[in-house]
Protein backbone atom coordinates (compact mmCIF):
# COMPACT_ATOMS: atom_id res chain seq x y z
CA UNK A 1 0.00 0.00 0.00
CA UNK A 2 1.29 3.48 -0.84
CA UNK A 3 2.56 5.98 1.71
CA UNK A 4 0.12 8.29 3.55
CA UNK A 5 -0.47 11.57 1.74
CA UNK A 6 0.26 13.35 5.02
CA UNK A 7 3.78 11.95 4.86
CA UNK A 8 4.37 12.64 1.16
CA UNK A 9 2.45 9.85 -0.57
CA UNK A 10 -0.20 10.20 -3.30
CA UNK A 11 -3.74 11.29 -2.45
CA UNK A 12 -6.48 8.68 -2.60
CA UNK A 13 -8.76 11.26 -4.25
CA UNK A 14 -6.68 13.42 -6.56
CA UNK A 15 -7.16 17.00 -7.70
CA UNK A 16 -8.61 15.75 -10.99
CA UNK A 17 -11.57 14.03 -9.32
CA UNK A 18 -14.45 15.61 -7.39
CA UNK A 19 -16.96 13.73 -5.28
CA UNK A 20 -20.59 14.82 -5.44
CA UNK A 21 -20.34 16.03 -1.88
CA UNK A 22 -17.82 18.58 -3.11
CA UNK A 23 -20.72 20.64 -4.53
CA UNK A 24 -21.04 22.25 -1.12
CA UNK A 25 -17.48 23.52 -1.46
CA UNK A 26 -17.72 24.69 -5.06
CA UNK A 27 -19.33 27.65 -6.74
CA UNK A 28 -22.95 27.41 -7.83
CA UNK A 29 -21.79 27.82 -11.43
CA UNK A 30 -19.43 24.85 -11.21
CA UNK A 31 -22.10 22.75 -9.53
CA UNK A 32 -24.69 23.60 -12.19
CA UNK A 33 -22.29 22.59 -14.95
CA UNK A 34 -21.69 19.27 -13.21
CA UNK A 35 -25.41 18.77 -12.55
CA UNK A 36 -26.60 19.52 -16.11
CA UNK A 37 -23.53 18.57 -18.13
CA UNK A 38 -23.29 22.06 -19.67
CA UNK A 39 -19.78 23.40 -20.29
CA UNK A 40 -20.39 27.00 -19.22
CA UNK A 41 -22.61 28.72 -16.66
CA UNK A 42 -22.95 32.26 -15.32
CA UNK A 43 -25.18 33.24 -12.44
CA UNK A 44 -27.23 36.40 -12.94
CA UNK A 45 -29.76 38.52 -11.08
CA UNK A 46 -32.92 36.76 -12.32
CA UNK A 47 -34.37 34.39 -14.87
CA UNK A 48 -35.35 37.43 -16.92
CA UNK A 49 -31.72 38.58 -16.90
CA UNK A 50 -30.69 35.14 -18.10
CA UNK A 51 -33.11 35.31 -21.05
CA UNK A 52 -31.95 38.83 -21.95
CA UNK A 53 -28.35 37.64 -21.79
CA UNK A 54 -29.16 34.86 -24.25
CA UNK A 55 -30.91 37.18 -26.68
CA UNK A 56 -28.02 39.63 -26.48
CA UNK A 57 -25.53 36.81 -27.04
CA UNK A 58 -27.47 35.69 -30.13
CA UNK A 59 -27.18 39.20 -31.57
CA UNK A 60 -30.88 40.01 -31.38
CA UNK A 61 -31.60 43.69 -31.86
CA UNK A 62 -33.56 46.30 -33.84
CA UNK A 63 -35.31 44.83 -36.85
CA UNK A 64 -34.79 41.23 -35.75
CA UNK A 65 -37.61 38.79 -35.11
CA UNK A 66 -37.63 36.27 -32.28
CA UNK A 67 -40.19 33.48 -32.46
CA UNK A 68 -41.70 32.64 -29.09
CA UNK A 69 -45.07 31.92 -27.45
CA UNK A 70 -47.74 34.25 -26.15
CA UNK A 71 -48.75 31.54 -23.69
CA UNK A 72 -46.12 32.30 -21.06
CA UNK A 73 -45.11 34.55 -18.21
CA UNK A 74 -44.53 38.18 -19.19
CA UNK A 75 -40.73 37.96 -18.81
CA UNK A 76 -40.36 35.84 -21.94
CA UNK A 77 -41.76 38.43 -24.33
CA UNK A 78 -40.49 41.29 -22.18
CA UNK A 79 -36.90 40.11 -22.62
CA UNK A 80 -37.27 40.27 -26.40
CA UNK A 81 -38.53 43.85 -26.17
CA UNK A 82 -35.64 44.67 -23.82
CA UNK A 83 -33.13 44.02 -26.62
CA UNK A 84 -35.28 46.03 -29.08
CA UNK A 85 -36.24 42.98 -31.13
CA UNK A 86 -39.79 42.08 -32.18
CA UNK A 87 -41.67 39.06 -30.81
CA UNK A 88 -43.35 36.83 -33.38
CA UNK A 89 -45.77 34.52 -31.63
CA UNK A 90 -46.27 30.86 -32.47
CA UNK A 91 -49.18 28.85 -31.12
CA UNK A 92 -48.86 26.03 -28.61
CA UNK A 93 -49.42 22.29 -28.40
CA UNK A 94 -52.75 21.94 -26.54
CA UNK A 95 -51.42 18.98 -24.53
CA UNK A 96 -48.02 20.22 -23.32
CA UNK A 97 -48.72 24.01 -23.48
CA UNK A 98 -45.30 24.41 -25.16
CA UNK A 99 -44.42 25.84 -28.57
CA UNK A 100 -45.94 24.24 -31.67
CA UNK A 101 -43.06 23.10 -33.89
CA UNK A 102 -45.10 23.23 -37.10
CA UNK A 103 -46.16 26.82 -36.40
CA UNK A 104 -42.51 27.74 -35.78
CA UNK A 105 -41.64 26.44 -39.25
CA UNK A 106 -44.40 28.55 -40.78
CA UNK A 107 -43.21 31.73 -39.07
CA UNK A 108 -39.49 31.69 -39.82
CA UNK A 109 -38.51 34.55 -42.15
CA UNK A 110 -35.25 36.10 -43.30
CA UNK A 111 -35.54 38.41 -40.29
CA UNK A 112 -35.73 35.62 -37.69
CA UNK A 113 -32.70 35.64 -35.40
CA UNK A 114 -33.64 33.18 -32.65
CA UNK A 115 -36.32 30.85 -31.33
CA UNK A 116 -37.18 31.39 -27.67
CA UNK A 117 -38.99 28.27 -26.41
CA UNK A 118 -40.57 28.01 -22.96
CA UNK A 119 -40.61 24.94 -20.72
CA UNK A 120 -44.01 25.93 -19.39
CA UNK A 121 -45.35 24.76 -16.02
CA UNK A 122 -42.27 22.50 -15.81
CA UNK A 123 -42.84 20.48 -19.01
CA UNK A 124 -39.87 20.78 -21.41
CA UNK A 125 -40.47 22.33 -24.80
CA UNK A 126 -39.67 20.27 -27.94
CA UNK A 127 -36.04 21.40 -27.91
CA UNK A 128 -34.54 18.56 -30.01
CA UNK A 129 -37.03 19.23 -32.82
CA UNK A 130 -36.29 22.96 -32.67
CA UNK A 131 -32.55 22.31 -32.77
CA UNK A 132 -33.08 20.31 -35.96
CA UNK A 133 -35.09 23.15 -37.53
CA UNK A 134 -32.52 25.85 -36.82
CA UNK A 135 -29.74 23.77 -38.38
CA UNK A 136 -31.39 24.60 -41.71
CA UNK A 137 -31.55 28.33 -41.02
CA UNK A 138 -28.49 29.20 -38.90
CA UNK A 139 -30.57 30.35 -35.93
CA UNK A 140 -30.12 30.06 -32.17
CA UNK A 141 -32.45 28.15 -29.83
CA UNK A 142 -32.81 29.83 -26.44
CA UNK A 143 -34.64 27.78 -23.82
CA UNK A 144 -36.60 29.61 -21.14
CA UNK A 145 -36.33 26.83 -18.56
CA UNK A 146 -37.12 29.14 -15.66
CA UNK A 147 -39.98 26.89 -14.55
CA UNK A 148 -38.18 23.65 -15.34
CA UNK A 149 -34.72 23.41 -13.78
CA UNK A 150 -34.26 19.67 -12.96
CA UNK A 151 -36.37 18.65 -16.00
CA UNK A 152 -35.07 16.20 -18.60
CA UNK A 153 -35.61 15.15 -22.21
CA UNK A 154 -34.72 11.54 -22.97
CA UNK A 155 -32.59 11.39 -19.84
CA UNK A 156 -30.64 14.57 -20.60
CA UNK A 157 -30.93 17.53 -18.25
CA UNK A 158 -32.27 20.81 -19.60
CA UNK A 159 -29.42 23.27 -19.62
CA UNK A 160 -27.40 20.93 -21.82
CA UNK A 161 -29.68 20.58 -24.87
CA UNK A 162 -30.49 24.01 -26.38
CA UNK A 163 -27.85 26.43 -27.57
CA UNK A 164 -28.56 28.60 -24.53
CA UNK A 165 -30.72 27.96 -21.44
CA UNK A 166 -32.10 30.30 -18.78
CA UNK A 167 -32.82 29.21 -15.19
CA UNK A 168 -34.59 31.09 -12.40
CA UNK A 169 -34.41 30.48 -8.65
CA UNK A 170 -37.39 32.52 -7.44
CA UNK A 171 -39.91 29.95 -6.19
CA UNK A 172 -38.71 27.42 -8.79
CA UNK A 173 -37.62 23.74 -8.67
CA UNK A 174 -34.10 24.88 -7.68
CA UNK A 175 -34.99 27.55 -5.16
CA UNK A 176 -33.44 30.63 -3.60
CA UNK A 177 -35.22 32.91 -1.17
CA UNK A 178 -33.36 35.90 -2.61
CA UNK A 179 -34.18 35.17 -6.25
CA UNK A 180 -31.59 35.09 -8.99
CA UNK A 181 -30.94 32.78 -11.90
CA UNK A 182 -28.30 31.52 -14.31
CA UNK A 183 -27.59 30.90 -17.96
CA UNK A 184 -25.98 27.74 -19.32
CA UNK A 185 -24.49 26.91 -22.70
CA UNK A 186 -21.99 24.67 -24.43
CA UNK A 187 -20.99 27.47 -26.80
CA UNK A 188 -18.03 29.55 -25.60
CA UNK A 189 -18.91 32.38 -27.96
CA UNK A 190 -22.46 32.67 -26.61
CA UNK A 191 -21.17 32.42 -23.04
CA UNK A 192 -18.79 35.33 -23.53
CA UNK A 193 -21.16 37.53 -25.53
CA UNK A 194 -23.84 37.07 -22.86
CA UNK A 195 -21.48 38.65 -20.32
CA UNK A 196 -21.95 41.96 -22.16
CA UNK A 197 -25.64 42.07 -21.23
CA UNK A 198 -24.79 43.25 -17.72
CA UNK A 199 -21.75 41.87 -15.90
CA UNK A 200 -19.17 43.93 -14.01
CA UNK A 201 -16.35 45.23 -16.26
CA UNK A 202 -13.68 43.43 -14.25
CA UNK A 203 -15.59 40.15 -14.44
CA UNK A 204 -15.83 40.43 -18.22
CA UNK A 205 -12.12 41.20 -18.34
CA UNK A 206 -11.38 38.15 -16.23
CA UNK A 207 -13.59 35.64 -18.06
CA UNK A 208 -13.65 36.67 -21.72
CA UNK A 209 -11.04 35.75 -24.32
CA UNK A 210 -12.72 37.03 -27.48
CA UNK A 211 -11.28 40.43 -28.52
CA UNK A 212 -14.72 41.42 -29.83
CA UNK A 213 -16.06 40.99 -26.30
CA UNK A 214 -13.09 42.38 -24.41
CA UNK A 215 -13.16 45.68 -26.26
CA UNK A 216 -16.48 46.45 -24.55
CA UNK A 217 -15.41 45.27 -21.10
CA UNK A 218 -14.61 48.72 -19.74
CA UNK A 219 -18.30 49.68 -20.04
CA UNK A 220 -19.57 46.37 -18.74
CA UNK A 221 -21.08 45.80 -22.17
CA UNK A 222 -24.40 47.63 -22.00
CA UNK A 223 -23.60 49.09 -18.60
CA UNK A 224 -26.53 47.22 -17.09
CA UNK A 225 -26.37 45.30 -13.81
CA UNK A 226 -27.39 41.65 -14.05
CA UNK A 227 -24.86 40.38 -11.52
CA UNK A 228 -25.55 37.27 -9.47
CA UNK A 229 -27.82 37.01 -6.46
CA UNK A 230 -29.36 33.93 -4.90
CA UNK A 231 -26.21 31.84 -4.60
CA UNK A 232 -27.89 30.03 -1.68
CA UNK A 233 -29.53 27.99 -4.45
CA UNK A 234 -26.42 25.80 -4.20
CA UNK A 235 -27.82 24.15 -1.07
CA UNK A 236 -31.12 23.52 -2.87
CA UNK A 237 -29.24 21.91 -5.74
CA UNK A 238 -27.84 19.23 -3.42
CA UNK A 239 -31.25 17.54 -3.07
CA UNK A 240 -33.10 19.10 -6.02
CA UNK A 241 -33.76 15.78 -7.75
CA UNK A 242 -35.08 14.16 -4.57
CA UNK A 243 -37.55 17.01 -4.01
CA UNK A 244 -38.51 17.07 -7.68
CA UNK A 245 -39.14 13.33 -7.74
CA UNK A 246 -41.28 13.55 -4.61
CA UNK A 247 -43.34 16.30 -6.24
CA UNK A 248 -43.71 14.19 -9.38
CA UNK A 249 -45.07 11.31 -7.29
CA UNK A 250 -47.60 13.64 -5.70
CA UNK A 251 -48.66 14.93 -9.10
CA UNK A 252 -48.96 11.44 -10.54
CA UNK A 253 -51.32 10.63 -7.69
CA UNK A 254 -53.38 13.72 -8.54
CA UNK A 255 -53.48 12.70 -12.19
CA UNK A 256 -54.67 9.20 -11.37
CA UNK A 257 -57.52 10.49 -9.20
CA UNK A 258 -58.55 13.58 -11.16
CA UNK A 259 -58.70 11.61 -14.42
CA UNK A 260 -61.89 10.02 -13.10
CA UNK A 261 -63.68 13.37 -12.66
CA UNK A 262 -65.62 14.50 -15.77
CA UNK A 263 -64.76 17.98 -16.97
CA UNK A 264 -61.21 17.95 -15.56
CA UNK A 265 -58.25 17.01 -17.79
CA UNK A 266 -54.99 16.52 -15.85
CA UNK A 267 -51.59 17.46 -17.34
CA UNK A 268 -50.20 15.47 -20.25
CA UNK A 269 -46.56 14.35 -20.12
CA UNK A 270 -44.90 13.70 -23.44
CA UNK A 271 -43.00 10.39 -23.57
CA UNK A 272 -39.31 10.83 -22.79
CA UNK A 273 -39.91 14.16 -21.04
CA UNK A 274 -39.55 14.71 -17.31
CA UNK A 275 -42.26 17.17 -16.24
CA UNK A 276 -41.16 18.74 -12.94
CA UNK A 277 -44.50 20.40 -12.11
CA UNK A 278 -43.63 23.93 -11.14
CA UNK A 279 -47.38 24.19 -11.68
CA UNK A 280 -49.81 21.29 -11.90
CA UNK A 281 -51.93 22.56 -14.75
CA UNK A 282 -55.30 21.09 -15.69
CA UNK A 283 -58.02 21.97 -18.17
CA UNK A 284 -61.60 22.69 -17.10
CA UNK A 285 -64.38 22.07 -19.59
CA UNK A 286 -66.97 24.84 -19.08
CA UNK A 287 -69.39 23.03 -21.40
CA UNK A 288 -69.51 19.95 -19.18
CA UNK A 289 -71.38 21.74 -16.39
CA UNK A 290 -72.21 25.19 -17.76
CA UNK A 291 -69.81 26.81 -15.26
CA UNK A 292 -66.82 28.96 -16.21
CA UNK A 293 -63.26 28.18 -15.20
CA UNK A 294 -63.12 31.34 -13.09
CA UNK A 295 -66.24 30.39 -11.12
CA UNK A 296 -64.88 26.88 -10.62
CA UNK A 297 -61.59 28.30 -9.28
CA UNK A 298 -63.46 30.60 -6.91
CA UNK A 299 -65.20 27.57 -5.46
CA UNK A 300 -61.92 25.63 -5.14
CA UNK A 301 -60.25 28.57 -3.39
CA UNK A 302 -63.12 28.73 -0.91
CA UNK A 303 -62.51 25.03 -0.15
CA UNK A 304 -58.89 25.81 0.73
CA UNK A 305 -57.21 24.82 -2.56
CA UNK A 306 -55.43 27.73 -4.21
CA UNK A 307 -56.10 27.32 -7.93
CA UNK A 308 -55.97 30.02 -10.57
CA UNK A 309 -56.04 30.51 -14.32
CA UNK A 310 -52.35 31.34 -14.59
CA UNK A 311 -52.31 33.02 -17.99
CA UNK A 312 -55.14 35.46 -17.20
CA UNK A 313 -54.81 35.86 -13.43
CA UNK A 314 -51.15 35.00 -12.68
CA UNK A 315 -50.21 34.09 -9.12
CA UNK A 316 -51.89 36.58 -6.85
CA UNK A 317 -50.27 35.01 -3.78
CA UNK A 318 -46.96 36.33 -5.06
CA UNK A 319 -46.71 39.05 -2.38
CA UNK A 320 -48.92 40.21 0.52
CA UNK A 321 -50.05 43.26 -1.43
CA UNK A 322 -50.87 41.28 -4.60
CA UNK A 323 -54.37 41.33 -6.02
CA UNK A 324 -55.93 39.28 -8.85
CA UNK A 325 -55.34 40.80 -12.26
CA UNK A 326 -57.39 39.93 -15.32
CA UNK A 327 -54.70 40.20 -17.99
CA UNK A 328 -57.06 39.70 -20.90
CA UNK A 329 -55.50 36.53 -22.21
CA UNK A 330 -52.19 35.51 -23.78
CA UNK A 331 -49.41 38.06 -24.22
CA UNK A 332 -50.28 39.08 -27.80
CA UNK A 333 -53.63 40.51 -26.64
CA UNK A 334 -52.18 42.78 -23.96
CA UNK A 335 -51.90 46.54 -24.20
CA UNK A 336 -48.25 46.85 -25.24
CA UNK A 337 -48.80 44.60 -28.24
CA UNK A 338 -52.05 46.27 -29.23
CA UNK A 339 -50.50 49.76 -29.05
CA UNK A 340 -47.12 48.69 -30.50
CA UNK A 341 -45.38 51.66 -28.93
CA UNK A 342 -43.33 50.53 -25.94
CA UNK A 343 -40.41 52.97 -26.15
CA UNK A 344 -42.17 55.80 -27.95
CA UNK A 345 -42.34 56.58 -31.68
CA UNK A 346 -43.57 53.03 -32.30
CA UNK A 347 -40.36 51.32 -31.17
CA UNK A 348 -39.42 48.54 -31.30
CA UNK A 349 -42.41 47.37 -33.36
CA UNK A 350 -42.56 50.17 -35.94
CA UNK A 351 -38.98 51.45 -35.94
CA UNK A 352 -37.30 52.01 -39.36
CA UNK A 353 -35.34 48.76 -39.04
CA UNK A 354 -38.52 46.66 -39.03
CA UNK A 355 -39.32 45.71 -42.61
CA UNK A 356 -42.70 44.07 -41.96
CA UNK A 357 -44.18 45.37 -38.69
CA UNK A 358 -46.25 42.68 -37.00
CA UNK A 359 -49.92 43.12 -36.14
CA UNK A 360 -51.21 41.19 -33.14
CA UNK A 361 -54.86 40.20 -33.44
CA UNK A 362 -57.38 38.19 -31.50
CA UNK A 363 -57.75 34.89 -33.31
CA UNK A 364 -54.09 34.70 -34.37
CA UNK A 365 -53.33 31.97 -31.84
CA UNK A 366 -56.52 29.94 -31.47
CA UNK A 367 -55.08 27.20 -29.25
CA UNK A 368 -53.41 29.67 -26.88
CA UNK A 369 -56.57 31.76 -26.66
CA UNK A 370 -58.80 28.76 -25.92
CA UNK A 371 -56.44 27.28 -23.32
CA UNK A 372 -56.28 30.63 -21.51
CA UNK A 373 -60.02 30.33 -20.81
CA UNK A 374 -59.83 26.72 -19.60
CA UNK A 375 -56.55 26.10 -17.77
CA UNK A 376 -56.18 26.22 -13.99
CA UNK A 377 -53.11 25.50 -11.95
CA UNK A 378 -52.04 24.38 -8.49
CA UNK A 379 -48.65 25.76 -7.50
CA UNK A 380 -45.34 24.16 -6.54
CA UNK A 381 -45.44 24.84 -2.77
CA UNK A 382 -48.71 22.90 -2.43
CA UNK A 383 -47.36 20.01 -4.49
CA UNK A 384 -43.95 19.59 -2.86
CA UNK A 385 -42.67 17.88 0.29
CA UNK A 386 -43.57 17.78 3.11
CA UNK A 387 -46.97 17.52 1.40
CA UNK A 388 -47.69 13.88 0.64
CA UNK A 389 -50.38 11.58 -0.74
CA UNK A 390 -52.75 12.47 2.09
CA UNK A 391 -52.53 16.15 1.13
CA UNK A 392 -53.04 15.32 -2.52
CA UNK A 393 -56.18 13.40 -1.62
CA UNK A 394 -57.51 16.51 0.13
CA UNK A 395 -57.06 18.42 -3.14
CA UNK A 396 -58.94 15.67 -4.99
CA UNK A 397 -61.70 15.76 -2.36
CA UNK A 398 -62.07 19.50 -2.82
CA UNK A 399 -62.38 19.18 -6.61
CA UNK A 400 -64.89 16.36 -6.23
CA UNK A 401 -66.92 18.38 -3.72
CA UNK A 402 -67.14 21.34 -6.10
CA UNK A 403 -68.22 19.08 -8.96
CA UNK A 404 -70.78 17.31 -6.77
CA UNK A 405 -72.34 20.71 -5.94
CA UNK A 406 -71.90 22.26 -9.36
CA UNK A 407 -75.61 23.08 -9.62
CA UNK A 408 -75.19 25.60 -6.81
CA UNK A 409 -72.56 27.47 -8.85
CA UNK A 410 -74.91 27.76 -11.80
CA UNK A 411 -77.47 29.39 -9.58
């Protein structure tokens, strides 16, 4: 046997090998690379900042089109506007609530710069199919995985599939009480260009090697501040899969039980995809009982189950001062997109660089518009440990009670 390392012999565990337990002694960025398999990671101030960084890295700017969904949280489309590009909305798959690949194909033009897909509610978007499409057009796939850190496609972690992936920590599967997020990529060029969206000048100087990036380091790129917060997410990463898997078991129990209740369609999970259930999202059929989704949710809330139509109402438990907000439907129907004048003088929608200014109309996205009137969601805290099968049964009992007394709601 070799000599003790203390006395000059070789180490049993060398410098070139790290045990999993070493995550606690490494940076969050290093741990995320090891966890997902991605080559590069940079922590930023939020999931929104991560998306903006990706769009900036892809070169999106005035006159460029970015194909995304209107069936999403506001940050997705807002990030596109932040880089002065124009959102072009594709419809969604009515089962997964993620981007419709065929509609993406129809909407690619010579002005398309990137495809921004959303892993909505925790179900991964069809990233492999999108990656195949962009090979033909020289585009970049940016994955808004803010609701789906820990998710997988065919056994591969999100963060290591798309060209560029955005994570968020605020109330998400990998959690931080102080918010924050990260971007991940296997492309060194995208990693370095994304630094220019808002990192400290000295950080850019220390990390970048590309002269085309370094020449802007003294200004911090855009001069914005997207620097990291929420590094306590490292501790959450240590048992993220265990907590995710426990939540999946709870949601599978809900699906089994709720499938037997007419008028309620539980979430669909595409084969090969790991849905991590940031939100357990169902469809309500208003024609089954002659009662609207909103009235049904009011009744569920009164029974002690917080359920809401996420697209129209959002999460009004977000902060103590929050109140329900009727947003009017998917993103393309909201005021900014109807007025097309975010920055004044019509920009970015009508600025001189835009060759064919988009018009956003009701009826453009029929699946998204219908789902916005039918979907209702139960949120991650109510689905996760220490809640267990007993708690899930209470949710089922509440839904069944409302359905059993549905005549009273019609009155």
